[in-house]
Amino acid sequence: MAAMFLALLAPFFVVGCDDNIGYDFFSAIQGAVYDASTGEALPNAAVVLNPTNRTLQTGEDGTFIFENLDPGQYTLSVQKEGYYVDRKAVTAISGETVQTDVLLRKI
């Protein structure tokens, strides 16, 4: 009886082991850029993701998103005219979207 039970369950164990084969799990980093004094969103700030050197401009609401990233360590470099440049280390996690906000101080 036990052998028959195991024989019935065996296909589930074999199929379950192969679930992740052929899938790539990418990461994303998203966030927003704000004025450190007022808390207002900063549109059109340049956000550079290193070591990829990908660059985005923040939207009208100060948001940005880098998608399809390999998991690992990245550095965001954020700049906008009239503000000090800010750098922030971020770790992208496989299959997840990491949220990170940046506060820029006026010069």
PDB file of N, CA and C in Angstrom:
ATOM      1  N   MET A   1       0.826  -1.192   0.000  1.00  0.00           N
ATOM      2  CA  MET A   1       0.000   0.000   0.000  1.00  0.00           C
ATOM      3  C   MET A   1       0.878   1.267   0.000  1.00  0.00           C
ATOM      4  N   ALA A   2       1.919   1.303   0.843  1.00  0.00           N
ATOM      5  CA  ALA A   2       2.805   2.458   0.898  1.00  0.00           C
ATOM      6  C   ALA A   2       3.530   2.648  -0.421  1.00  0.00           C
ATOM      7  N   ALA A   3       3.933   1.551  -1.062  1.00  0.00           N
ATOM      8  CA  ALA A   3       4.637   1.637  -2.342  1.00  0.00           C
ATOM      9  C   ALA A   3       3.718   2.234  -3.410  1.00  0.00           C
ATOM     10  N   MET A   4       2.453   1.865  -3.396  1.00  0.00           N
ATOM     11  CA  MET A   4       1.508   2.404  -4.367  1.00  0.00           C
ATOM     12  C   MET A   4       1.300   3.910  -4.138  1.00  0.00           C
ATOM     13  N   PHE A   5       1.245   4.315  -2.871  1.00  0.00           N
ATOM     14  CA  PHE A   5       1.093   5.734  -2.521  1.00  0.00           C
ATOM     15  C   PHE A   5       2.289   6.539  -3.031  1.00  0.00           C
ATOM     16  N   LEU A   6       3.501   6.025  -2.814  1.00  0.00           N
ATOM     17  CA  LEU A   6       4.704   6.712  -3.290  1.00  0.00           C
ATOM     18  C   LEU A   6       4.752   6.763  -4.807  1.00  0.00           C
ATOM     19  N   ALA A   7       4.310   5.698  -5.460  1.00  0.00           N
ATOM     20  CA  ALA A   7       4.294   5.675  -6.925  1.00  0.00           C
ATOM     21  C   ALA A   7       3.351   6.736  -7.473  1.00  0.00           C
ATOM     22  N   LEU A   8       2.254   6.969  -6.784  1.00  0.00           N
ATOM     23  CA  LEU A   8       1.310   7.994  -7.227  1.00  0.00           C
ATOM     24  C   LEU A   8       1.860   9.407  -7.026  1.00  0.00           C
ATOM     25  N   LEU A   9       2.656   9.609  -5.982  1.00  0.00           N
ATOM     26  CA  LEU A   9       3.202  10.929  -5.694  1.00  0.00           C
ATOM     27  C   LEU A   9       4.476  11.244  -6.481  1.00  0.00           C
ATOM     28  N   ALA A  10       5.175  10.255  -6.967  1.00  0.00           N
ATOM     29  CA  ALA A  10       6.458  10.453  -7.653  1.00  0.00           C
ATOM     30  C   ALA A  10       6.389  11.476  -8.779  1.00  0.00           C
ATOM     31  N   PRO A  11       5.385  11.443  -9.663  1.00  0.00           N
ATOM     32  CA  PRO A  11       5.343  12.449 -10.744  1.00  0.00           C
ATOM     33  C   PRO A  11       5.285  13.883 -10.230  1.00  0.00           C
ATOM     34  N   PHE A  12       4.666  14.108  -9.077  1.00  0.00           N
ATOM     35  CA  PHE A  12       4.593  15.465  -8.530  1.00  0.00           C
ATOM     36  C   PHE A  12       5.957  15.960  -8.074  1.00  0.00           C
ATOM     37  N   PHE A  13       6.752  15.066  -7.504  1.00  0.00           N
ATOM     38  CA  PHE A  13       8.095  15.439  -7.067  1.00  0.00           C
ATOM     39  C   PHE A  13       8.998  15.718  -8.259  1.00  0.00           C
ATOM     40  N   VAL A  14       8.912  14.936  -9.298  1.00  0.00           N
ATOM     41  CA  VAL A  14       9.740  15.125 -10.480  1.00  0.00           C
ATOM     42  C   VAL A  14       9.374  16.426 -11.181  1.00  0.00           C
ATOM     43  N   VAL A  15       8.076  16.670 -11.373  1.00  0.00           N
ATOM     44  CA  VAL A  15       7.633  17.904 -12.021  1.00  0.00           C
ATOM     45  C   VAL A  15       7.996  19.107 -11.165  1.00  0.00           C
ATOM     46  N   GLY A  16       7.841  19.020  -9.853  1.00  0.00           N
ATOM     47  CA  GLY A  16       8.135  20.130  -8.956  1.00  0.00           C
ATOM     48  C   GLY A  16       9.586  20.541  -8.984  1.00  0.00           C
ATOM     49  N   CYS A  17      10.490  19.614  -9.258  1.00  0.00           N
ATOM     50  CA  CYS A  17      11.916  19.926  -9.279  1.00  0.00           C
ATOM     51  C   CYS A  17      12.310  20.753 -10.494  1.00  0.00           C
ATOM     52  N   ASP A  18      11.529  20.670 -11.580  1.00  0.00           N
ATOM     53  CA  ASP A  18      11.891  21.343 -12.815  1.00  0.00           C
ATOM     54  C   ASP A  18      11.190  22.679 -13.011  1.00  0.00           C
ATOM     55  N   ASP A  19      10.480  23.179 -12.014  1.00  0.00           N
ATOM     56  CA  ASP A  19       9.683  24.398 -12.179  1.00  0.00           C
ATOM     57  C   ASP A  19      10.495  25.610 -12.613  1.00  0.00           C
ATOM     58  N   ASN A  20      11.744  25.758 -12.140  1.00  0.00           N
ATOM     59  CA  ASN A  20      12.514  26.972 -12.416  1.00  0.00           C
ATOM     60  C   ASN A  20      13.438  26.834 -13.617  1.00  0.00           C
ATOM     61  N   ILE A  21      13.491  25.683 -14.234  1.00  0.00           N
ATOM     62  CA  ILE A  21      14.371  25.506 -15.378  1.00  0.00           C
ATOM     63  C   ILE A  21      13.832  26.316 -16.547  1.00  0.00           C
ATOM     64  N   GLY A  22      14.727  27.086 -17.174  1.00  0.00           N
ATOM     65  CA  GLY A  22      14.333  27.866 -18.335  1.00  0.00           C
ATOM     66  C   GLY A  22      13.797  29.248 -18.008  1.00  0.00           C
ATOM     67  N   TYR A  23      13.687  29.604 -16.740  1.00  0.00           N
ATOM     68  CA  TYR A  23      13.190  30.919 -16.363  1.00  0.00           C
ATOM     69  C   TYR A  23      14.338  31.786 -15.883  1.00  0.00           C
ATOM     70  N   ASP A  24      14.350  33.037 -16.301  1.00  0.00           N
ATOM     71  CA  ASP A  24      15.312  34.010 -15.795  1.00  0.00           C
ATOM     72  C   ASP A  24      14.583  34.919 -14.833  1.00  0.00           C
ATOM     73  N   PHE A  25      15.158  35.097 -13.670  1.00  0.00           N
ATOM     74  CA  PHE A  25      14.554  35.978 -12.678  1.00  0.00           C
ATOM     75  C   PHE A  25      15.333  37.283 -12.644  1.00  0.00           C
ATOM     76  N   PHE A  26      14.720  38.316 -13.185  1.00  0.00           N
ATOM     77  CA  PHE A  26      15.348  39.627 -13.200  1.00  0.00           C
ATOM     78  C   PHE A  26      14.829  40.469 -12.045  1.00  0.00           C
ATOM     79  N   SER A  27      15.517  41.548 -11.813  1.00  0.00           N
ATOM     80  CA  SER A  27      15.174  42.456 -10.732  1.00  0.00           C
ATOM     81  C   SER A  27      14.809  43.819 -11.299  1.00  0.00           C
ATOM     82  N   ALA A  28      14.269  44.661 -10.441  1.00  0.00           N
ATOM     83  CA  ALA A  28      13.980  46.045 -10.811  1.00  0.00           C
ATOM     84  C   ALA A  28      14.295  46.937  -9.614  1.00  0.00           C
ATOM     85  N   ILE A  29      14.684  48.146  -9.911  1.00  0.00           N
ATOM     86  CA  ILE A  29      14.897  49.167  -8.879  1.00  0.00           C
ATOM     87  C   ILE A  29      14.013  50.346  -9.243  1.00  0.00           C
ATOM     88  N   GLN A  30      13.138  50.724  -8.339  1.00  0.00           N
ATOM     89  CA  GLN A  30      12.266  51.870  -8.586  1.00  0.00           C
ATOM     90  C   GLN A  30      12.303  52.789  -7.381  1.00  0.00           C
ATOM     91  N   GLY A  31      11.931  54.020  -7.626  1.00  0.00           N
ATOM     92  CA  GLY A  31      11.899  54.969  -6.526  1.00  0.00           C
ATOM     93  C   GLY A  31      11.448  56.331  -7.003  1.00  0.00           C
ATOM     94  N   ALA A  32      11.740  57.307  -6.179  1.00  0.00           N
ATOM     95  CA  ALA A  32      11.383  58.686  -6.496  1.00  0.00           C
ATOM     96  C   ALA A  32      12.449  59.607  -5.920  1.00  0.00           C
ATOM     97  N   VAL A  33      12.549  60.790  -6.511  1.00  0.00           N
ATOM     98  CA  VAL A  33      13.511  61.796  -6.072  1.00  0.00           C
ATOM     99  C   VAL A  33      12.730  62.973  -5.514  1.00  0.00           C
ATOM    100  N   TYR A  34      13.131  63.404  -4.310  1.00  0.00           N
ATOM    101  CA  TYR A  34      12.428  64.488  -3.620  1.00  0.00           C
ATOM    102  C   TYR A  34      13.402  65.567  -3.170  1.00  0.00           C
ATOM    103  N   ASP A  35      12.899  66.784  -3.010  1.00  0.00           N
ATOM    104  CA  ASP A  35      13.638  67.876  -2.394  1.00  0.00           C
ATOM    105  C   ASP A  35      13.721  67.575  -0.904  1.00  0.00           C
ATOM    106  N   ALA A  36      14.940  67.565  -0.354  1.00  0.00           N
ATOM    107  CA  ALA A  36      15.131  67.202   1.053  1.00  0.00           C
ATOM    108  C   ALA A  36      14.476  68.194   2.007  1.00  0.00           C
ATOM    109  N   SER A  37      14.357  69.466   1.631  1.00  0.00           N
ATOM    110  CA  SER A  37      13.775  70.479   2.519  1.00  0.00           C
ATOM    111  C   SER A  37      12.256  70.504   2.480  1.00  0.00           C
ATOM    112  N   THR A  38      11.711  70.422   1.269  1.00  0.00           N
ATOM    113  CA  THR A  38      10.262  70.590   1.123  1.00  0.00           C
ATOM    114  C   THR A  38       9.499  69.276   0.990  1.00  0.00           C
ATOM    115  N   GLY A  39      10.206  68.213   0.577  1.00  0.00           N
ATOM    116  CA  GLY A  39       9.542  66.935   0.354  1.00  0.00           C
ATOM    117  C   GLY A  39       8.836  66.864  -0.993  1.00  0.00           C
ATOM    118  N   GLU A  40       8.963  67.924  -1.793  1.00  0.00           N
ATOM    119  CA  GLU A  40       8.319  67.938  -3.103  1.00  0.00           C
ATOM    120  C   GLU A  40       9.052  67.020  -4.081  1.00  0.00           C
ATOM    121  N   ALA A  41       8.296  66.364  -4.955  1.00  0.00           N
ATOM    122  CA  ALA A  41       8.883  65.513  -5.982  1.00  0.00           C
ATOM    123  C   ALA A  41       9.680  66.368  -6.962  1.00  0.00           C
ATOM    124  N   LEU A  42      10.787  65.826  -7.446  1.00  0.00           N
ATOM    125  CA  LEU A  42      11.643  66.550  -8.384  1.00  0.00           C
ATOM    126  C   LEU A  42      11.585  65.897  -9.771  1.00  0.00           C
ATOM    127  N   PRO A  43      10.848  66.507 -10.687  1.00  0.00           N
ATOM    128  CA  PRO A  43      10.807  65.988 -12.053  1.00  0.00           C
ATOM    129  C   PRO A  43      12.105  66.303 -12.788  1.00  0.00           C
ATOM    130  N   ASN A  44      12.381  65.533 -13.834  1.00  0.00           N
ATOM    131  CA  ASN A  44      13.531  65.753 -14.715  1.00  0.00           C
ATOM    132  C   ASN A  44      14.885  65.698 -14.024  1.00  0.00           C
ATOM    133  N   ALA A  45      14.985  64.949 -12.944  1.00  0.00           N
ATOM    134  CA  ALA A  45      16.290  64.687 -12.343  1.00  0.00           C
ATOM    135  C   ALA A  45      16.911  63.525 -13.111  1.00  0.00           C
ATOM    136  N   ALA A  46      18.215  63.562 -13.314  1.00  0.00           N
ATOM    137  CA  ALA A  46      18.918  62.479 -14.015  1.00  0.00           C
ATOM    138  C   ALA A  46      19.310  61.413 -13.003  1.00  0.00           C
ATOM    139  N   VAL A  47      18.922  60.179 -13.288  1.00  0.00           N
ATOM    140  CA  VAL A  47      19.251  59.045 -12.422  1.00  0.00           C
ATOM    141  C   VAL A  47      20.099  58.083 -13.241  1.00  0.00           C
ATOM    142  N   VAL A  48      21.358  57.874 -12.811  1.00  0.00           N
ATOM    143  CA  VAL A  48      22.282  56.989 -13.510  1.00  0.00           C
ATOM    144  C   VAL A  48      22.474  55.742 -12.666  1.00  0.00           C
ATOM    145  N   LEU A  49      22.364  54.582 -13.308  1.00  0.00           N
ATOM    146  CA  LEU A  49      22.541  53.301 -12.630  1.00  0.00           C
ATOM    147  C   LEU A  49      23.884  52.710 -13.042  1.00  0.00           C
ATOM    148  N   ASN A  50      24.782  52.599 -12.079  1.00  0.00           N
ATOM    149  CA  ASN A  50      26.102  52.024 -12.341  1.00  0.00           C
ATOM    150  C   ASN A  50      26.194  50.652 -11.708  1.00  0.00           C
ATOM    151  N   PRO A  51      26.831  49.684 -12.317  1.00  0.00           N
ATOM    152  CA  PRO A  51      27.797  49.811 -13.414  1.00  0.00           C
ATOM    153  C   PRO A  51      27.197  49.738 -14.812  1.00  0.00           C
ATOM    154  N   THR A  52      25.895  49.795 -14.979  1.00  0.00           N
ATOM    155  CA  THR A  52      25.293  49.672 -16.313  1.00  0.00           C
ATOM    156  C   THR A  52      25.371  50.961 -17.123  1.00  0.00           C
ATOM    157  N   ASN A  53      25.526  52.089 -16.461  1.00  0.00           N
ATOM    158  CA  ASN A  53      25.506  53.421 -17.093  1.00  0.00           C
ATOM    159  C   ASN A  53      24.176  53.735 -17.763  1.00  0.00           C
ATOM    160  N   ARG A  54      23.117  53.036 -17.384  1.00  0.00           N
ATOM    161  CA  ARG A  54      21.778  53.374 -17.882  1.00  0.00           C
ATOM    162  C   ARG A  54      21.329  54.650 -17.187  1.00  0.00           C
ATOM    163  N   THR A  55      20.729  55.556 -17.953  1.00  0.00           N
ATOM    164  CA  THR A  55      20.288  56.845 -17.417  1.00  0.00           C
ATOM    165  C   THR A  55      18.809  57.054 -17.714  1.00  0.00           C
ATOM    166  N   LEU A  56      18.092  57.538 -16.707  1.00  0.00           N
ATOM    167  CA  LEU A  56      16.680  57.883 -16.852  1.00  0.00           C
ATOM    168  C   LEU A  56      16.457  59.286 -16.320  1.00  0.00           C
ATOM    169  N   GLN A  57      15.385  59.917 -16.790  1.00  0.00           N
ATOM    170  CA  GLN A  57      14.915  61.179 -16.228  1.00  0.00           C
ATOM    171  C   GLN A  57      13.694  60.852 -15.380  1.00  0.00           C
ATOM    172  N   THR A  58      13.598  61.469 -14.215  1.00  0.00           N
ATOM    173  CA  THR A  58      12.419  61.233 -13.391  1.00  0.00           C
ATOM    174  C   THR A  58      11.200  61.851 -14.065  1.00  0.00           C
ATOM    175  N   GLY A  59      10.043  61.238 -13.816  1.00  0.00           N
ATOM    176  CA  GLY A  59       8.790  61.740 -14.365  1.00  0.00           C
ATOM    177  C   GLY A  59       8.316  62.977 -13.615  1.00  0.00           C
ATOM    178  N   GLU A  60       7.173  63.480 -13.999  1.00  0.00           N
ATOM    179  CA  GLU A  60       6.602  64.669 -13.350  1.00  0.00           C
ATOM    180  C   GLU A  60       6.387  64.464 -11.855  1.00  0.00           C
ATOM    181  N   ASP A  61       6.178  63.199 -11.459  1.00  0.00           N
ATOM    182  CA  ASP A  61       5.983  62.888 -10.041  1.00  0.00           C
ATOM    183  C   ASP A  61       7.285  62.475  -9.355  1.00  0.00           C
ATOM    184  N   GLY A  62       8.421  62.665 -10.038  1.00  0.00           N
ATOM    185  CA  GLY A  62       9.728  62.373  -9.462  1.00  0.00           C
ATOM    186  C   GLY A  62      10.122  60.903  -9.485  1.00  0.00           C
ATOM    187  N   THR A  63       9.322  60.058 -10.135  1.00  0.00           N
ATOM    188  CA  THR A  63       9.587  58.618 -10.082  1.00  0.00           C
ATOM    189  C   THR A  63      10.493  58.135 -11.213  1.00  0.00           C
ATOM    190  N   PHE A  64      11.119  56.980 -10.962  1.00  0.00           N
ATOM    191  CA  PHE A  64      11.957  56.307 -11.953  1.00  0.00           C
ATOM    192  C   PHE A  64      11.864  54.804 -11.717  1.00  0.00           C
ATOM    193  N   ILE A  65      12.195  54.011 -12.747  1.00  0.00           N
ATOM    194  CA  ILE A  65      12.273  52.560 -12.593  1.00  0.00           C
ATOM    195  C   ILE A  65      13.264  51.988 -13.606  1.00  0.00           C
ATOM    196  N   PHE A  66      14.178  51.186 -13.094  1.00  0.00           N
ATOM    197  CA  PHE A  66      15.107  50.423 -13.925  1.00  0.00           C
ATOM    198  C   PHE A  66      14.644  48.974 -13.866  1.00  0.00           C
ATOM    199  N   GLU A  67      14.341  48.389 -15.029  1.00  0.00           N
ATOM    200  CA  GLU A  67      13.817  47.026 -15.072  1.00  0.00           C
ATOM    201  C   GLU A  67      14.805  46.090 -15.765  1.00  0.00           C
ATOM    202  N   ASN A  68      14.521  44.791 -15.650  1.00  0.00           N
ATOM    203  CA  ASN A  68      15.318  43.740 -16.295  1.00  0.00           C
ATOM    204  C   ASN A  68      16.787  43.795 -15.885  1.00  0.00           C
ATOM    205  N   LEU A  69      17.017  43.944 -14.591  1.00  0.00           N
ATOM    206  CA  LEU A  69      18.368  43.979 -14.053  1.00  0.00           C
ATOM    207  C   LEU A  69      18.782  42.601 -13.544  1.00  0.00           C
ATOM    208  N   ASP A  70      20.060  42.300 -13.674  1.00  0.00           N
ATOM    209  CA  ASP A  70      20.587  41.110 -13.024  1.00  0.00           C
ATOM    210  C   ASP A  70      20.648  41.393 -11.533  1.00  0.00           C
ATOM    211  N   PRO A  71      20.399  40.393 -10.703  1.00  0.00           N
ATOM    212  CA  PRO A  71      20.529  40.599  -9.259  1.00  0.00           C
ATOM    213  C   PRO A  71      21.961  41.010  -8.924  1.00  0.00           C
ATOM    214  N   GLY A  72      22.112  41.865  -7.925  1.00  0.00           N
ATOM    215  CA  GLY A  72      23.452  42.285  -7.510  1.00  0.00           C
ATOM    216  C   GLY A  72      23.474  43.701  -6.981  1.00  0.00           C
ATOM    217  N   GLN A  73      24.688  44.200  -6.806  1.00  0.00           N
ATOM    218  CA  GLN A  73      24.929  45.513  -6.212  1.00  0.00           C
ATOM    219  C   GLN A  73      25.001  46.583  -7.301  1.00  0.00           C
ATOM    220  N   TYR A  74      24.297  47.687  -7.083  1.00  0.00           N
ATOM    221  CA  TYR A  74      24.290  48.819  -8.009  1.00  0.00           C
ATOM    222  C   TYR A  74      24.466  50.114  -7.218  1.00  0.00           C
ATOM    223  N   THR A  75      24.848  51.172  -7.941  1.00  0.00           N
ATOM    224  CA  THR A  75      24.919  52.503  -7.345  1.00  0.00           C
ATOM    225  C   THR A  75      24.075  53.453  -8.182  1.00  0.00           C
ATOM    226  N   LEU A  76      23.162  54.151  -7.506  1.00  0.00           N
ATOM    227  CA  LEU A  76      22.373  55.191  -8.154  1.00  0.00           C
ATOM    228  C   LEU A  76      23.096  56.512  -7.960  1.00  0.00           C
ATOM    229  N   SER A  77      23.238  57.270  -9.022  1.00  0.00           N
ATOM    230  CA  SER A  77      23.794  58.613  -8.951  1.00  0.00           C
ATOM    231  C   SER A  77      22.704  59.548  -9.460  1.00  0.00           C
ATOM    232  N   VAL A  78      22.266  60.459  -8.594  1.00  0.00           N
ATOM    233  CA  VAL A  78      21.126  61.322  -8.930  1.00  0.00           C
ATOM    234  C   VAL A  78      21.573  62.780  -8.920  1.00  0.00           C
ATOM    235  N   GLN A  79      21.208  63.496  -9.990  1.00  0.00           N
ATOM    236  CA  GLN A  79      21.577  64.906 -10.056  1.00  0.00           C
ATOM    237  C   GLN A  79      20.482  65.730 -10.714  1.00  0.00           C
ATOM    238  N   LYS A  80      20.421  66.970 -10.280  1.00  0.00           N
ATOM    239  CA  LYS A  80      19.490  67.943 -10.855  1.00  0.00           C
ATOM    240  C   LYS A  80      20.116  69.311 -10.649  1.00  0.00           C
ATOM    241  N   GLU A  81      19.949  70.162 -11.637  1.00  0.00           N
ATOM    242  CA  GLU A  81      20.527  71.501 -11.549  1.00  0.00           C
ATOM    243  C   GLU A  81      20.028  72.212 -10.298  1.00  0.00           C
ATOM    244  N   GLY A  82      20.954  72.823  -9.572  1.00  0.00           N
ATOM    245  CA  GLY A  82      20.623  73.538  -8.346  1.00  0.00           C
ATOM    246  C   GLY A  82      20.667  72.670  -7.098  1.00  0.00           C
ATOM    247  N   TYR A  83      21.026  71.383  -7.261  1.00  0.00           N
ATOM    248  CA  TYR A  83      21.079  70.440  -6.147  1.00  0.00           C
ATOM    249  C   TYR A  83      22.426  69.730  -6.120  1.00  0.00           C
ATOM    250  N   TYR A  84      22.827  69.285  -4.937  1.00  0.00           N
ATOM    251  CA  TYR A  84      24.016  68.458  -4.808  1.00  0.00           C
ATOM    252  C   TYR A  84      23.735  67.079  -5.389  1.00  0.00           C
ATOM    253  N   VAL A  85      24.753  66.477  -6.000  1.00  0.00           N
ATOM    254  CA  VAL A  85      24.637  65.108  -6.501  1.00  0.00           C
ATOM    255  C   VAL A  85      24.564  64.165  -5.309  1.00  0.00           C
ATOM    256  N   ASP A  86      23.721  63.150  -5.401  1.00  0.00           N
ATOM    257  CA  ASP A  86      23.617  62.147  -4.341  1.00  0.00           C
ATOM    258  C   ASP A  86      23.849  60.769  -4.939  1.00  0.00           C
ATOM    259  N   ARG A  87      24.558  59.921  -4.205  1.00  0.00           N
ATOM    260  CA  ARG A  87      24.803  58.547  -4.624  1.00  0.00           C
ATOM    261  C   ARG A  87      24.263  57.610  -3.558  1.00  0.00           C
ATOM    262  N   LYS A  88      23.708  56.497  -4.035  1.00  0.00           N
ATOM    263  CA  LYS A  88      23.092  55.557  -3.106  1.00  0.00           C
ATOM    264  C   LYS A  88      23.341  54.135  -3.589  1.00  0.00           C
ATOM    265  N   ALA A  89      23.842  53.275  -2.694  1.00  0.00           N
ATOM    266  CA  ALA A  89      24.043  51.863  -3.018  1.00  0.00           C
ATOM    267  C   ALA A  89      22.718  51.123  -2.856  1.00  0.00           C
ATOM    268  N   VAL A  90      22.414  50.258  -3.825  1.00  0.00           N
ATOM    269  CA  VAL A  90      21.172  49.487  -3.813  1.00  0.00           C
ATOM    270  C   VAL A  90      21.494  48.056  -4.230  1.00  0.00           C
ATOM    271  N   THR A  91      20.898  47.094  -3.544  1.00  0.00           N
ATOM    272  CA  THR A  91      21.063  45.697  -3.909  1.00  0.00           C
ATOM    273  C   THR A  91      19.792  45.201  -4.590  1.00  0.00           C
ATOM    274  N   ALA A  92      19.924  44.803  -5.848  1.00  0.00           N
ATOM    275  CA  ALA A  92      18.797  44.247  -6.592  1.00  0.00           C
ATOM    276  C   ALA A  92      18.674  42.768  -6.232  1.00  0.00           C
ATOM    277  N   ILE A  93      17.460  42.337  -5.928  1.00  0.00           N
ATOM    278  CA  ILE A  93      17.192  40.979  -5.490  1.00  0.00           C
ATOM    279  C   ILE A  93      16.428  40.239  -6.581  1.00  0.00           C
ATOM    280  N   SER A  94      16.839  39.014  -6.860  1.00  0.00           N
ATOM    281  CA  SER A  94      16.243  38.211  -7.921  1.00  0.00           C
ATOM    282  C   SER A  94      14.726  38.118  -7.782  1.00  0.00           C
ATOM    283  N   GLY A  95      14.026  38.486  -8.853  1.00  0.00           N
ATOM    284  CA  GLY A  95      12.580  38.372  -8.896  1.00  0.00           C
ATOM    285  C   GLY A  95      11.826  39.433  -8.116  1.00  0.00           C
ATOM    286  N   GLU A  96      12.523  40.441  -7.602  1.00  0.00           N
ATOM    287  CA  GLU A  96      11.861  41.462  -6.785  1.00  0.00           C
ATOM    288  C   GLU A  96      12.091  42.860  -7.348  1.00  0.00           C
ATOM    289  N   THR A  97      11.196  43.767  -6.976  1.00  0.00           N
ATOM    290  CA  THR A  97      11.367  45.185  -7.266  1.00  0.00           C
ATOM    291  C   THR A  97      11.745  45.869  -5.969  1.00  0.00           C
ATOM    292  N   VAL A  98      12.925  46.467  -5.955  1.00  0.00           N
ATOM    293  CA  VAL A  98      13.430  47.150  -4.766  1.00  0.00           C
ATOM    294  C   VAL A  98      13.013  48.611  -4.832  1.00  0.00           C
ATOM    295  N   GLN A  99      12.438  49.107  -3.759  1.00  0.00           N
ATOM    296  CA  GLN A  99      11.992  50.499  -3.668  1.00  0.00           C
ATOM    297  C   GLN A  99      13.060  51.328  -2.951  1.00  0.00           C
ATOM    298  N   THR A 100      13.463  52.430  -3.544  1.00  0.00           N
ATOM    299  CA  THR A 100      14.418  53.317  -2.895  1.00  0.00           C
ATOM    300  C   THR A 100      14.142  54.756  -3.316  1.00  0.00           C
ATOM    301  N   ASP A 101      14.058  55.644  -2.364  1.00  0.00           N
ATOM    302  CA  ASP A 101      13.836  57.052  -2.644  1.00  0.00           C
ATOM    303  C   ASP A 101      15.103  57.843  -2.357  1.00  0.00           C
ATOM    304  N   VAL A 102      15.258  58.956  -3.043  1.00  0.00           N
ATOM    305  CA  VAL A 102      16.455  59.791  -2.915  1.00  0.00           C
ATOM    306  C   VAL A 102      16.021  61.201  -2.556  1.00  0.00           C
ATOM    307  N   LEU A 103      16.700  61.772  -1.559  1.00  0.00           N
ATOM    308  CA  LEU A 103      16.455  63.153  -1.151  1.00  0.00           C
ATOM    309  C   LEU A 103      17.623  64.018  -1.592  1.00  0.00           C
ATOM    310  N   LEU A 104      17.365  65.033  -2.405  1.00  0.00           N
ATOM    311  CA  LEU A 104      18.410  65.931  -2.859  1.00  0.00           C
ATOM    312  C   LEU A 104      18.360  67.246  -2.082  1.00  0.00           C
ATOM    313  N   ARG A 105      19.558  67.717  -1.722  1.00  0.00           N
ATOM    314  CA  ARG A 105      19.666  68.998  -1.016  1.00  0.00           C
ATOM    315  C   ARG A 105      20.061  70.106  -1.983  1.00  0.00           C
ATOM    316  N   LYS A 106      19.447  71.276  -1.798  1.00  0.00           N
ATOM    317  CA  LYS A 106      19.767  72.424  -2.645  1.00  0.00           C
ATOM    318  C   LYS A 106      21.186  72.894  -2.355  1.00  0.00           C
ATOM    319  N   ILE A 107      21.805  73.435  -3.408  1.00  0.00           N
ATOM    320  CA  ILE A 107      23.163  73.977  -3.267  1.00  0.00           C
ATOM    321  C   ILE A 107      23.095  75.308  -2.546  1.00  0.00           C
TER     322      ILE A 107
END
